[in-house]
Every structure is written in structure tokens, then in C-alpha cells.
Amino acid sequence: MSLLFSQVTLTADGFEDNLLVSGIPRNIIDLEGWTKYDKFIKSLDMKTEINVHVKSYLYGDGERVNATPEEVAFMVRRMIFDDDFLDKHCETIEDSDFVIRYSPNELFGIDFIEL
């Protein structure tokens, strides 16, 4: 079994943060509920565009399955102890980008654009 997960880079108004998530996020719905994403969104207080860069990886061999939140946490721990973990032990399978339009004062507050 190979675990599918992604490293996501969020950039908005001079702020940047990285997080790992399960699968390959394609839009806002795939990021909601991940703690670091939610904290990043809450730190924004004005209308802005959030650039999202996604680099997706496989860890292991065999059938692809989306990593569980616990497996994503395991990957984070591996990265803490080995700076080159992703490059040495994982296969890069995709790079993608999209933009989230964030408006904290509007009813739903978020829209996204695929690039």
C-alpha cells in the first residue's frame, strides 16, 4: 500500500505557511478542517487572495490510498527528524496550484480559482 499525501504551501499578503494533508487537495473543501489551514485563514483579517501550491507524494509501494490524519501526523514527525524525508523516502507525483479568494466580511467568505 502506498500512502498519498500532499505538502501545501499557503501564501497571502506576505505570509506563508506549509502543511501536510491527505490526498491531493484540488479546492478549499479539501483543506478545511486541517488545523494549520484553519489557523492560517483565521490570521487573515482583510479581503485577499491565497495562493495555494500543492506538491503531492506517495510513501510506500502498492495500491494508492489517501493517508489518514494519523498517517499524515506520522509523516510530519518523520519530517521533523529528517529534513530530507520527502526527497529521500517519497515519490513526487504531482505539482499543482490554485487560488482562494478570501473575504472575511462576506456571507460565505471564500471562493477558489483553478489555475
PDB file of N, CA and C in Angstrom:
ATOM      1  N   MET A   1       0.852  -1.170   0.000  1.00  0.00           N
ATOM      2  CA  MET A   1       0.000   0.000   0.000  1.00  0.00           C
ATOM      3  C   MET A   1       0.898   1.235   0.000  1.00  0.00           C
ATOM      4  N   SER A   2       0.558   2.213  -0.856  1.00  0.00           N
ATOM      5  CA  SER A   2       1.296   3.477  -0.872  1.00  0.00           C
ATOM      6  C   SER A   2       0.370   4.594  -0.399  1.00  0.00           C
ATOM      7  N   LEU A   3       0.874   5.378   0.521  1.00  0.00           N
ATOM      8  CA  LEU A   3       0.093   6.459   1.112  1.00  0.00           C
ATOM      9  C   LEU A   3       0.221   7.722   0.273  1.00  0.00           C
ATOM     10  N   LEU A   4      -0.920   8.312  -0.072  1.00  0.00           N
ATOM     11  CA  LEU A   4      -0.969   9.530  -0.868  1.00  0.00           C
ATOM     12  C   LEU A   4      -1.228  10.711   0.053  1.00  0.00           C
ATOM     13  N   PHE A   5      -0.330  11.693  -0.002  1.00  0.00           N
ATOM     14  CA  PHE A   5      -0.480  12.900   0.810  1.00  0.00           C
ATOM     15  C   PHE A   5       0.186  14.054   0.078  1.00  0.00           C
ATOM     16  N   SER A   6      -0.059  15.273   0.540  1.00  0.00           N
ATOM     17  CA  SER A   6       0.481  16.448  -0.131  1.00  0.00           C
ATOM     18  C   SER A   6       1.038  17.455   0.851  1.00  0.00           C
ATOM     19  N   GLN A   7       2.083  18.124   0.407  1.00  0.00           N
ATOM     20  CA  GLN A   7       2.611  19.272   1.136  1.00  0.00           C
ATOM     21  C   GLN A   7       2.002  20.505   0.471  1.00  0.00           C
ATOM     22  N   VAL A   8       1.351  21.331   1.270  1.00  0.00           N
ATOM     23  CA  VAL A   8       0.645  22.503   0.769  1.00  0.00           C
ATOM     24  C   VAL A   8       1.339  23.763   1.282  1.00  0.00           C
ATOM     25  N   THR A   9       1.607  24.695   0.373  1.00  0.00           N
ATOM     26  CA  THR A   9       2.164  25.991   0.744  1.00  0.00           C
ATOM     27  C   THR A   9       1.091  27.039   0.503  1.00  0.00           C
ATOM     28  N   LEU A  10       0.736  27.760   1.565  1.00  0.00           N
ATOM     29  CA  LEU A  10      -0.252  28.838   1.503  1.00  0.00           C
ATOM     30  C   LEU A  10       0.492  30.163   1.561  1.00  0.00           C
ATOM     31  N   THR A  11       0.168  31.081   0.637  1.00  0.00           N
ATOM     32  CA  THR A  11       0.815  32.388   0.611  1.00  0.00           C
ATOM     33  C   THR A  11      -0.249  33.466   0.430  1.00  0.00           C
ATOM     34  N   ALA A  12      -0.228  34.458   1.323  1.00  0.00           N
ATOM     35  CA  ALA A  12      -1.167  35.586   1.222  1.00  0.00           C
ATOM     36  C   ALA A  12      -0.608  36.777   1.977  1.00  0.00           C
ATOM     37  N   ASP A  13      -0.638  37.934   1.349  1.00  0.00           N
ATOM     38  CA  ASP A  13      -0.245  39.194   1.992  1.00  0.00           C
ATOM     39  C   ASP A  13       1.093  39.126   2.720  1.00  0.00           C
ATOM     40  N   GLY A  14       2.073  38.477   2.106  1.00  0.00           N
ATOM     41  CA  GLY A  14       3.397  38.395   2.708  1.00  0.00           C
ATOM     42  C   GLY A  14       3.552  37.305   3.749  1.00  0.00           C
ATOM     43  N   PHE A  15       2.492  36.576   4.033  1.00  0.00           N
ATOM     44  CA  PHE A  15       2.549  35.466   4.988  1.00  0.00           C
ATOM     45  C   PHE A  15       2.615  34.157   4.218  1.00  0.00           C
ATOM     46  N   GLU A  16       3.345  33.199   4.777  1.00  0.00           N
ATOM     47  CA  GLU A  16       3.439  31.878   4.154  1.00  0.00           C
ATOM     48  C   GLU A  16       3.426  30.818   5.236  1.00  0.00           C
ATOM     49  N   ASP A  17       2.773  29.709   4.945  1.00  0.00           N
ATOM     50  CA  ASP A  17       2.774  28.575   5.864  1.00  0.00           C
ATOM     51  C   ASP A  17       2.720  27.297   5.056  1.00  0.00           C
ATOM     52  N   ASN A  18       3.263  26.227   5.619  1.00  0.00           N
ATOM     53  CA  ASN A  18       3.266  24.912   4.982  1.00  0.00           C
ATOM     54  C   ASN A  18       2.547  23.922   5.874  1.00  0.00           C
ATOM     55  N   LEU A  19       1.876  22.980   5.245  1.00  0.00           N
ATOM     56  CA  LEU A  19       1.215  21.921   5.996  1.00  0.00           C
ATOM     57  C   LEU A  19       1.133  20.676   5.140  1.00  0.00           C
ATOM     58  N   LEU A  20       0.931  19.543   5.781  1.00  0.00           N
ATOM     59  CA  LEU A  20       0.679  18.290   5.080  1.00  0.00           C
ATOM     60  C   LEU A  20      -0.793  17.951   5.226  1.00  0.00           C
ATOM     61  N   VAL A  21      -1.357  17.393   4.154  1.00  0.00           N
ATOM     62  CA  VAL A  21      -2.756  16.965   4.162  1.00  0.00           C
ATOM     63  C   VAL A  21      -2.867  15.630   3.443  1.00  0.00           C
ATOM     64  N   SER A  22      -3.978  14.987   3.626  1.00  0.00           N
ATOM     65  CA  SER A  22      -4.268  13.719   2.977  1.00  0.00           C
ATOM     66  C   SER A  22      -4.637  13.926   1.515  1.00  0.00           C
ATOM     67  N   GLY A  23      -4.260  12.997   0.666  1.00  0.00           N
ATOM     68  CA  GLY A  23      -4.661  13.037  -0.733  1.00  0.00           C
ATOM     69  C   GLY A  23      -4.059  14.204  -1.484  1.00  0.00           C
ATOM     70  N   ILE A  24      -4.767  14.629  -2.536  1.00  0.00           N
ATOM     71  CA  ILE A  24      -4.343  15.769  -3.344  1.00  0.00           C
ATOM     72  C   ILE A  24      -5.448  16.813  -3.291  1.00  0.00           C
ATOM     73  N   PRO A  25      -5.247  17.884  -2.533  1.00  0.00           N
ATOM     74  CA  PRO A  25      -6.284  18.918  -2.475  1.00  0.00           C
ATOM     75  C   PRO A  25      -6.421  19.634  -3.818  1.00  0.00           C
ATOM     76  N   ARG A  26      -7.656  19.797  -4.228  1.00  0.00           N
ATOM     77  CA  ARG A  26      -7.950  20.464  -5.504  1.00  0.00           C
ATOM     78  C   ARG A  26      -8.694  21.785  -5.293  1.00  0.00           C
ATOM     79  N   ASN A  27      -9.248  21.962  -4.069  1.00  0.00           N
ATOM     80  CA  ASN A  27     -10.002  23.183  -3.782  1.00  0.00           C
ATOM     81  C   ASN A  27     -10.088  23.382  -2.275  1.00  0.00           C
ATOM     82  N   ILE A  28     -10.786  24.423  -1.888  1.00  0.00           N
ATOM     83  CA  ILE A  28     -10.907  24.822  -0.485  1.00  0.00           C
ATOM     84  C   ILE A  28     -11.476  23.715   0.397  1.00  0.00           C
ATOM     85  N   ILE A  29     -12.413  22.972  -0.122  1.00  0.00           N
ATOM     86  CA  ILE A  29     -13.072  21.923   0.662  1.00  0.00           C
ATOM     87  C   ILE A  29     -12.067  20.880   1.142  1.00  0.00           C
ATOM     88  N   ASP A  30     -11.056  20.604   0.324  1.00  0.00           N
ATOM     89  CA  ASP A  30     -10.048  19.606   0.689  1.00  0.00           C
ATOM     90  C   ASP A  30      -9.090  20.093   1.780  1.00  0.00           C
ATOM     91  N   LEU A  31      -9.081  21.402   2.051  1.00  0.00           N
ATOM     92  CA  LEU A  31      -8.186  21.962   3.073  1.00  0.00           C
ATOM     93  C   LEU A  31      -8.892  22.264   4.391  1.00  0.00           C
ATOM     94  N   GLU A  32     -10.192  22.527   4.321  1.00  0.00           N
ATOM     95  CA  GLU A  32     -10.941  22.875   5.530  1.00  0.00           C
ATOM     96  C   GLU A  32     -10.876  21.743   6.545  1.00  0.00           C
ATOM     97  N   GLY A  33     -10.688  22.133   7.798  1.00  0.00           N
ATOM     98  CA  GLY A  33     -10.621  21.148   8.875  1.00  0.00           C
ATOM     99  C   GLY A  33      -9.201  20.752   9.261  1.00  0.00           C
ATOM    100  N   TRP A  34      -8.225  21.052   8.413  1.00  0.00           N
ATOM    101  CA  TRP A  34      -6.829  20.815   8.789  1.00  0.00           C
ATOM    102  C   TRP A  34      -6.401  21.990   9.663  1.00  0.00           C
ATOM    103  N   THR A  35      -5.914  21.728  10.844  1.00  0.00           N
ATOM    104  CA  THR A  35      -5.653  22.739  11.861  1.00  0.00           C
ATOM    105  C   THR A  35      -4.790  23.893  11.356  1.00  0.00           C
ATOM    106  N   LYS A  36      -3.671  23.584  10.697  1.00  0.00           N
ATOM    107  CA  LYS A  36      -2.783  24.666  10.237  1.00  0.00           C
ATOM    108  C   LYS A  36      -3.471  25.533   9.190  1.00  0.00           C
ATOM    109  N   TYR A  37      -4.298  24.942   8.336  1.00  0.00           N
ATOM    110  CA  TYR A  37      -5.037  25.730   7.352  1.00  0.00           C
ATOM    111  C   TYR A  37      -6.024  26.653   8.066  1.00  0.00           C
ATOM    112  N   ASP A  38      -6.787  26.096   8.996  1.00  0.00           N
ATOM    113  CA  ASP A  38      -7.774  26.895   9.724  1.00  0.00           C
ATOM    114  C   ASP A  38      -7.117  28.053  10.470  1.00  0.00           C
ATOM    115  N   LYS A  39      -5.950  27.824  11.073  1.00  0.00           N
ATOM    116  CA  LYS A  39      -5.233  28.895  11.767  1.00  0.00           C
ATOM    117  C   LYS A  39      -4.749  29.958  10.788  1.00  0.00           C
ATOM    118  N   PHE A  40      -4.298  29.542   9.625  1.00  0.00           N
ATOM    119  CA  PHE A  40      -3.838  30.488   8.608  1.00  0.00           C
ATOM    120  C   PHE A  40      -4.994  31.385   8.177  1.00  0.00           C
ATOM    121  N   ILE A  41      -6.140  30.799   7.901  1.00  0.00           N
ATOM    122  CA  ILE A  41      -7.324  31.566   7.479  1.00  0.00           C
ATOM    123  C   ILE A  41      -7.730  32.554   8.573  1.00  0.00           C
ATOM    124  N   LYS A  42      -7.730  32.120   9.818  1.00  0.00           N
ATOM    125  CA  LYS A  42      -8.137  32.992  10.922  1.00  0.00           C
ATOM    126  C   LYS A  42      -7.160  34.151  11.129  1.00  0.00           C
ATOM    127  N   SER A  43      -5.927  33.995  10.666  1.00  0.00           N
ATOM    128  CA  SER A  43      -4.949  35.069  10.824  1.00  0.00           C
ATOM    129  C   SER A  43      -5.143  36.192   9.804  1.00  0.00           C
ATOM    130  N   LEU A  44      -5.947  35.948   8.782  1.00  0.00           N
ATOM    131  CA  LEU A  44      -6.206  36.957   7.752  1.00  0.00           C
ATOM    132  C   LEU A  44      -7.411  37.793   8.154  1.00  0.00           C
ATOM    133  N   ASP A  45      -7.266  39.111   8.107  1.00  0.00           N
ATOM    134  CA  ASP A  45      -8.370  39.960   8.548  1.00  0.00           C
ATOM    135  C   ASP A  45      -8.903  40.884   7.456  1.00  0.00           C
ATOM    136  N   MET A  46      -8.416  40.694   6.222  1.00  0.00           N
ATOM    137  CA  MET A  46      -8.913  41.532   5.141  1.00  0.00           C
ATOM    138  C   MET A  46      -9.056  40.704   3.863  1.00  0.00           C
ATOM    139  N   LYS A  47      -9.798  41.245   2.921  1.00  0.00           N
ATOM    140  CA  LYS A  47     -10.027  40.579   1.645  1.00  0.00           C
ATOM    141  C   LYS A  47      -8.682  40.350   0.955  1.00  0.00           C
ATOM    142  N   THR A  48      -8.446  39.133   0.511  1.00  0.00           N
ATOM    143  CA  THR A  48      -7.163  38.803  -0.101  1.00  0.00           C
ATOM    144  C   THR A  48      -7.298  37.558  -0.970  1.00  0.00           C
ATOM    145  N   GLU A  49      -6.264  37.287  -1.723  1.00  0.00           N
ATOM    146  CA  GLU A  49      -6.157  36.047  -2.470  1.00  0.00           C
ATOM    147  C   GLU A  49      -5.084  35.197  -1.806  1.00  0.00           C
ATOM    148  N   ILE A  50      -5.396  33.942  -1.626  1.00  0.00           N
ATOM    149  CA  ILE A  50      -4.445  32.998  -1.044  1.00  0.00           C
ATOM    150  C   ILE A  50      -3.955  32.100  -2.172  1.00  0.00           C
ATOM    151  N   ASN A  51      -2.667  32.145  -2.439  1.00  0.00           N
ATOM    152  CA  ASN A  51      -2.074  31.259  -3.443  1.00  0.00           C
ATOM    153  C   ASN A  51      -1.759  29.929  -2.775  1.00  0.00           C
ATOM    154  N   VAL A  52      -2.196  28.865  -3.397  1.00  0.00           N
ATOM    155  CA  VAL A  52      -2.015  27.520  -2.849  1.00  0.00           C
ATOM    156  C   VAL A  52      -1.172  26.714  -3.824  1.00  0.00           C
ATOM    157  N   HIS A  53      -0.023  26.243  -3.346  1.00  0.00           N
ATOM    158  CA  HIS A  53       0.822  25.347  -4.131  1.00  0.00           C
ATOM    159  C   HIS A  53       0.769  23.975  -3.483  1.00  0.00           C
ATOM    160  N   VAL A  54       0.512  22.965  -4.284  1.00  0.00           N
ATOM    161  CA  VAL A  54       0.363  21.592  -3.788  1.00  0.00           C
ATOM    162  C   VAL A  54       1.419  20.714  -4.437  1.00  0.00           C
ATOM    163  N   LYS A  55       2.198  20.030  -3.608  1.00  0.00           N
ATOM    164  CA  LYS A  55       3.168  19.049  -4.101  1.00  0.00           C
ATOM    165  C   LYS A  55       2.773  17.716  -3.488  1.00  0.00           C
ATOM    166  N   SER A  56       2.402  16.767  -4.334  1.00  0.00           N
ATOM    167  CA  SER A  56       1.842  15.502  -3.862  1.00  0.00           C
ATOM    168  C   SER A  56       2.866  14.375  -3.907  1.00  0.00           C
ATOM    169  N   TYR A  57       2.761  13.483  -2.927  1.00  0.00           N
ATOM    170  CA  TYR A  57       3.737  12.415  -2.730  1.00  0.00           C
ATOM    171  C   TYR A  57       3.060  11.071  -2.494  1.00  0.00           C
ATOM    172  N   LEU A  58       3.839  10.026  -2.778  1.00  0.00           N
ATOM    173  CA  LEU A  58       3.486   8.660  -2.384  1.00  0.00           C
ATOM    174  C   LEU A  58       4.564   8.152  -1.445  1.00  0.00           C
ATOM    175  N   TYR A  59       4.140   7.441  -0.409  1.00  0.00           N
ATOM    176  CA  TYR A  59       5.067   6.812   0.529  1.00  0.00           C
ATOM    177  C   TYR A  59       4.720   5.340   0.562  1.00  0.00           C
ATOM    178  N   GLY A  60       5.663   4.502   0.169  1.00  0.00           N
ATOM    179  CA  GLY A  60       5.426   3.064   0.146  1.00  0.00           C
ATOM    180  C   GLY A  60       5.156   2.572  -1.265  1.00  0.00           C
ATOM    181  N   ASP A  61       4.806   1.288  -1.364  1.00  0.00           N
ATOM    182  CA  ASP A  61       4.551   0.643  -2.652  1.00  0.00           C
ATOM    183  C   ASP A  61       3.164   0.023  -2.656  1.00  0.00           C
ATOM    184  N   GLY A  62       2.675  -0.233  -3.847  1.00  0.00           N
ATOM    185  CA  GLY A  62       1.398  -0.929  -3.980  1.00  0.00           C
ATOM    186  C   GLY A  62       0.241   0.013  -4.245  1.00  0.00           C
ATOM    187  N   GLU A  63      -0.947  -0.472  -3.908  1.00  0.00           N
ATOM    188  CA  GLU A  63      -2.176   0.272  -4.157  1.00  0.00           C
ATOM    189  C   GLU A  63      -2.157   1.630  -3.458  1.00  0.00           C
ATOM    190  N   ARG A  64      -2.578   2.680  -4.182  1.00  0.00           N
ATOM    191  CA  ARG A  64      -2.636   4.030  -3.623  1.00  0.00           C
ATOM    192  C   ARG A  64      -3.861   4.195  -2.744  1.00  0.00           C
ATOM    193  N   VAL A  65      -3.635   4.720  -1.556  1.00  0.00           N
ATOM    194  CA  VAL A  65      -4.740   5.091  -0.668  1.00  0.00           C
ATOM    195  C   VAL A  65      -4.410   6.450  -0.058  1.00  0.00           C
ATOM    196  N   ASN A  66      -5.442   7.261   0.166  1.00  0.00           N
ATOM    197  CA  ASN A  66      -5.218   8.536   0.829  1.00  0.00           C
ATOM    198  C   ASN A  66      -4.777   8.282   2.262  1.00  0.00           C
ATOM    199  N   ALA A  67      -3.734   8.966   2.679  1.00  0.00           N
ATOM    200  CA  ALA A  67      -3.249   8.851   4.057  1.00  0.00           C
ATOM    201  C   ALA A  67      -4.335   9.320   5.022  1.00  0.00           C
ATOM    202  N   THR A  68      -4.447   8.658   6.142  1.00  0.00           N
ATOM    203  CA  THR A  68      -5.371   9.088   7.190  1.00  0.00           C
ATOM    204  C   THR A  68      -4.755  10.276   7.926  1.00  0.00           C
ATOM    205  N   PRO A  69      -5.527  11.014   8.709  1.00  0.00           N
ATOM    206  CA  PRO A  69      -4.922  12.099   9.510  1.00  0.00           C
ATOM    207  C   PRO A  69      -3.791  11.595  10.410  1.00  0.00           C
ATOM    208  N   GLU A  70      -3.927  10.398  10.943  1.00  0.00           N
ATOM    209  CA  GLU A  70      -2.869   9.829  11.794  1.00  0.00           C
ATOM    210  C   GLU A  70      -1.608   9.551  10.977  1.00  0.00           C
ATOM    211  N   GLU A  71      -1.774   9.068   9.763  1.00  0.00           N
ATOM    212  CA  GLU A  71      -0.617   8.810   8.905  1.00  0.00           C
ATOM    213  C   GLU A  71       0.041  10.118   8.465  1.00  0.00           C
ATOM    214  N   VAL A  72      -0.759  11.146   8.229  1.00  0.00           N
ATOM    215  CA  VAL A  72      -0.213  12.471   7.910  1.00  0.00           C
ATOM    216  C   VAL A  72       0.611  12.968   9.095  1.00  0.00           C
ATOM    217  N   ALA A  73       0.107  12.795  10.312  1.00  0.00           N
ATOM    218  CA  ALA A  73       0.848  13.195  11.517  1.00  0.00           C
ATOM    219  C   ALA A  73       2.173  12.433  11.608  1.00  0.00           C
ATOM    220  N   PHE A  74       2.167  11.163  11.233  1.00  0.00           N
ATOM    221  CA  PHE A  74       3.390  10.358  11.209  1.00  0.00           C
ATOM    222  C   PHE A  74       4.395  10.959  10.224  1.00  0.00           C
ATOM    223  N   MET A  75       3.905  11.380   9.053  1.00  0.00           N
ATOM    224  CA  MET A  75       4.791  12.000   8.056  1.00  0.00           C
ATOM    225  C   MET A  75       5.393  13.307   8.595  1.00  0.00           C
ATOM    226  N   VAL A  76       4.592  14.083   9.282  1.00  0.00           N
ATOM    227  CA  VAL A  76       5.089  15.330   9.885  1.00  0.00           C
ATOM    228  C   VAL A  76       6.212  15.010  10.866  1.00  0.00           C
ATOM    229  N   ARG A  77       6.013  14.007  11.701  1.00  0.00           N
ATOM    230  CA  ARG A  77       7.055  13.631  12.671  1.00  0.00           C
ATOM    231  C   ARG A  77       8.325  13.172  11.955  1.00  0.00           C
ATOM    232  N   ARG A  78       8.158  12.406  10.875  1.00  0.00           N
ATOM    233  CA  ARG A  78       9.326  11.957  10.109  1.00  0.00           C
ATOM    234  C   ARG A  78      10.087  13.159   9.554  1.00  0.00           C
ATOM    235  N   MET A  79       9.360  14.177   9.095  1.00  0.00           N
ATOM    236  CA  MET A  79       9.993  15.380   8.543  1.00  0.00           C
ATOM    237  C   MET A  79      10.737  16.167   9.618  1.00  0.00           C
ATOM    238  N   ILE A  80      10.240  16.147  10.845  1.00  0.00           N
ATOM    239  CA  ILE A  80      10.906  16.841  11.946  1.00  0.00           C
ATOM    240  C   ILE A  80      12.280  16.222  12.211  1.00  0.00           C
ATOM    241  N   PHE A  81      12.362  14.891  12.146  1.00  0.00           N
ATOM    242  CA  PHE A  81      13.605  14.193  12.454  1.00  0.00           C
ATOM    243  C   PHE A  81      14.522  14.015  11.247  1.00  0.00           C
ATOM    244  N   ASP A  82      13.995  14.218  10.045  1.00  0.00           N
ATOM    245  CA  ASP A  82      14.783  14.051   8.828  1.00  0.00           C
ATOM    246  C   ASP A  82      14.354  15.126   7.832  1.00  0.00           C
ATOM    247  N   ASP A  83      15.153  16.185   7.717  1.00  0.00           N
ATOM    248  CA  ASP A  83      14.824  17.312   6.827  1.00  0.00           C
ATOM    249  C   ASP A  83      14.614  16.882   5.379  1.00  0.00           C
ATOM    250  N   ASP A  84      15.257  15.809   4.970  1.00  0.00           N
ATOM    251  CA  ASP A  84      15.171  15.343   3.587  1.00  0.00           C
ATOM    252  C   ASP A  84      14.217  14.164   3.422  1.00  0.00           C
ATOM    253  N   PHE A  85      13.338  13.955   4.387  1.00  0.00           N
ATOM    254  CA  PHE A  85      12.443  12.798   4.344  1.00  0.00           C
ATOM    255  C   PHE A  85      11.657  12.716   3.037  1.00  0.00           C
ATOM    256  N   LEU A  86      11.049  13.815   2.625  1.00  0.00           N
ATOM    257  CA  LEU A  86      10.228  13.777   1.409  1.00  0.00           C
ATOM    258  C   LEU A  86      11.072  13.437   0.185  1.00  0.00           C
ATOM    259  N   ASP A  87      12.249  14.038   0.072  1.00  0.00           N
ATOM    260  CA  ASP A  87      13.114  13.787  -1.085  1.00  0.00           C
ATOM    261  C   ASP A  87      13.708  12.375  -1.077  1.00  0.00           C
ATOM    262  N   LYS A  88      14.071  11.874   0.084  1.00  0.00           N
ATOM    263  CA  LYS A  88      14.748  10.580   0.187  1.00  0.00           C
ATOM    264  C   LYS A  88      13.798   9.376   0.182  1.00  0.00           C
ATOM    265  N   HIS A  89      12.611   9.528   0.779  1.00  0.00           N
ATOM    266  CA  HIS A  89      11.769   8.363   1.032  1.00  0.00           C
ATOM    267  C   HIS A  89      10.412   8.378   0.345  1.00  0.00           C
ATOM    268  N   CYS A  90      10.101   9.466  -0.364  1.00  0.00           N
ATOM    269  CA  CYS A  90       8.792   9.582  -1.000  1.00  0.00           C
ATOM    270  C   CYS A  90       8.951   9.872  -2.483  1.00  0.00           C
ATOM    271  N   GLU A  91       7.946   9.491  -3.243  1.00  0.00           N
ATOM    272  CA  GLU A  91       7.941   9.747  -4.679  1.00  0.00           C
ATOM    273  C   GLU A  91       7.038  10.942  -4.965  1.00  0.00           C
ATOM    274  N   THR A  92       7.582  11.960  -5.617  1.00  0.00           N
ATOM    275  CA  THR A  92       6.779  13.115  -6.028  1.00  0.00           C
ATOM    276  C   THR A  92       5.955  12.703  -7.236  1.00  0.00           C
ATOM    277  N   ILE A  93       4.630  12.936  -7.168  1.00  0.00           N
ATOM    278  CA  ILE A  93       3.788  12.525  -8.292  1.00  0.00           C
ATOM    279  C   ILE A  93       3.087  13.684  -8.991  1.00  0.00           C
ATOM    280  N   GLU A  94       3.001  14.848  -8.340  1.00  0.00           N
ATOM    281  CA  GLU A  94       2.274  15.942  -8.965  1.00  0.00           C
ATOM    282  C   GLU A  94       2.556  17.266  -8.270  1.00  0.00           C
ATOM    283  N   ASP A  95       2.568  18.343  -9.056  1.00  0.00           N
ATOM    284  CA  ASP A  95       2.592  19.712  -8.562  1.00  0.00           C
ATOM    285  C   ASP A  95       1.380  20.414  -9.154  1.00  0.00           C
ATOM    286  N   SER A  96       0.661  21.166  -8.340  1.00  0.00           N
ATOM    287  CA  SER A  96      -0.490  21.912  -8.849  1.00  0.00           C
ATOM    288  C   SER A  96      -0.665  23.191  -8.041  1.00  0.00           C
ATOM    289  N   ASP A  97      -1.476  24.092  -8.573  1.00  0.00           N
ATOM    290  CA  ASP A  97      -1.716  25.374  -7.934  1.00  0.00           C
ATOM    291  C   ASP A  97      -3.179  25.763  -8.088  1.00  0.00           C
ATOM    292  N   PHE A  98      -3.685  26.497  -7.105  1.00  0.00           N
ATOM    293  CA  PHE A  98      -4.973  27.158  -7.231  1.00  0.00           C
ATOM    294  C   PHE A  98      -4.983  28.367  -6.315  1.00  0.00           C
ATOM    295  N   VAL A  99      -5.989  29.212  -6.492  1.00  0.00           N
ATOM    296  CA  VAL A  99      -6.090  30.453  -5.727  1.00  0.00           C
ATOM    297  C   VAL A  99      -7.422  30.446  -4.984  1.00  0.00           C
ATOM    298  N   ILE A 100      -7.372  30.864  -3.722  1.00  0.00           N
ATOM    299  CA  ILE A 100      -8.578  31.024  -2.915  1.00  0.00           C
ATOM    300  C   ILE A 100      -8.802  32.517  -2.737  1.00  0.00           C
ATOM    301  N   ARG A 101      -9.973  32.986  -3.075  1.00  0.00           N
ATOM    302  CA  ARG A 101     -10.333  34.381  -2.810  1.00  0.00           C
ATOM    303  C   ARG A 101     -11.022  34.418  -1.459  1.00  0.00           C
ATOM    304  N   TYR A 102     -10.388  35.102  -0.521  1.00  0.00           N
ATOM    305  CA  TYR A 102     -10.887  35.137   0.858  1.00  0.00           C
ATOM    306  C   TYR A 102     -11.440  36.516   1.176  1.00  0.00           C
ATOM    307  N   SER A 103     -12.679  36.559   1.632  1.00  0.00           N
ATOM    308  CA  SER A 103     -13.349  37.804   2.029  1.00  0.00           C
ATOM    309  C   SER A 103     -14.016  37.580   3.382  1.00  0.00           C
ATOM    310  N   PRO A 104     -13.347  37.901   4.482  1.00  0.00           N
ATOM    311  CA  PRO A 104     -13.864  37.566   5.812  1.00  0.00           C
ATOM    312  C   PRO A 104     -15.200  38.222   6.163  1.00  0.00           C
ATOM    313  N   ASN A 105     -15.546  39.315   5.527  1.00  0.00           N
ATOM    314  CA  ASN A 105     -16.783  40.017   5.878  1.00  0.00           C
ATOM    315  C   ASN A 105     -17.975  39.652   5.004  1.00  0.00           C
ATOM    316  N   GLU A 106     -17.783  38.754   4.029  1.00  0.00           N
ATOM    317  CA  GLU A 106     -18.887  38.333   3.177  1.00  0.00           C
ATOM    318  C   GLU A 106     -19.525  37.065   3.736  1.00  0.00           C
ATOM    319  N   LEU A 107     -20.739  36.765   3.287  1.00  0.00           N
ATOM    320  CA  LEU A 107     -21.519  35.664   3.841  1.00  0.00           C
ATOM    321  C   LEU A 107     -20.749  34.347   3.908  1.00  0.00           C
ATOM    322  N   PHE A 108     -20.236  33.880   2.783  1.00  0.00           N
ATOM    323  CA  PHE A 108     -19.510  32.608   2.796  1.00  0.00           C
ATOM    324  C   PHE A 108     -18.022  32.819   2.845  1.00  0.00           C
ATOM    325  N   GLY A 109     -17.533  33.967   2.439  1.00  0.00           N
ATOM    326  CA  GLY A 109     -16.163  34.373   2.654  1.00  0.00           C
ATOM    327  C   GLY A 109     -15.095  33.793   1.756  1.00  0.00           C
ATOM    328  N   ILE A 110     -15.386  32.711   1.026  1.00  0.00           N
ATOM    329  CA  ILE A 110     -14.319  32.049   0.297  1.00  0.00           C
ATOM    330  C   ILE A 110     -14.805  31.584  -1.073  1.00  0.00           C
ATOM    331  N   ASP A 111     -13.943  31.764  -2.070  1.00  0.00           N
ATOM    332  CA  ASP A 111     -14.168  31.244  -3.406  1.00  0.00           C
ATOM    333  C   ASP A 111     -12.804  30.767  -3.882  1.00  0.00           C
ATOM    334  N   PHE A 112     -12.761  29.927  -4.888  1.00  0.00           N
ATOM    335  CA  PHE A 112     -11.450  29.498  -5.376  1.00  0.00           C
ATOM    336  C   PHE A 112     -11.421  29.494  -6.890  1.00  0.00           C
ATOM    337  N   ILE A 113     -10.204  29.585  -7.427  1.00  0.00           N
ATOM    338  CA  ILE A 113      -9.965  29.578  -8.852  1.00  0.00           C
ATOM    339  C   ILE A 113      -8.953  28.480  -9.128  1.00  0.00           C
ATOM    340  N   GLU A 114      -9.226  27.642 -10.101  1.00  0.00           N
ATOM    341  CA  GLU A 114      -8.231  26.649 -10.513  1.00  0.00           C
ATOM    342  C   GLU A 114      -7.307  27.296 -11.528  1.00  0.00           C
ATOM    343  N   LEU A 115      -6.019  26.992 -11.434  1.00  0.00           N
ATOM    344  CA  LEU A 115      -5.044  27.532 -12.388  1.00  0.00           C
ATOM    345  C   LEU A 115      -4.676  26.486 -13.390  1.00  0.00           C
TER     346      LEU A 115
END
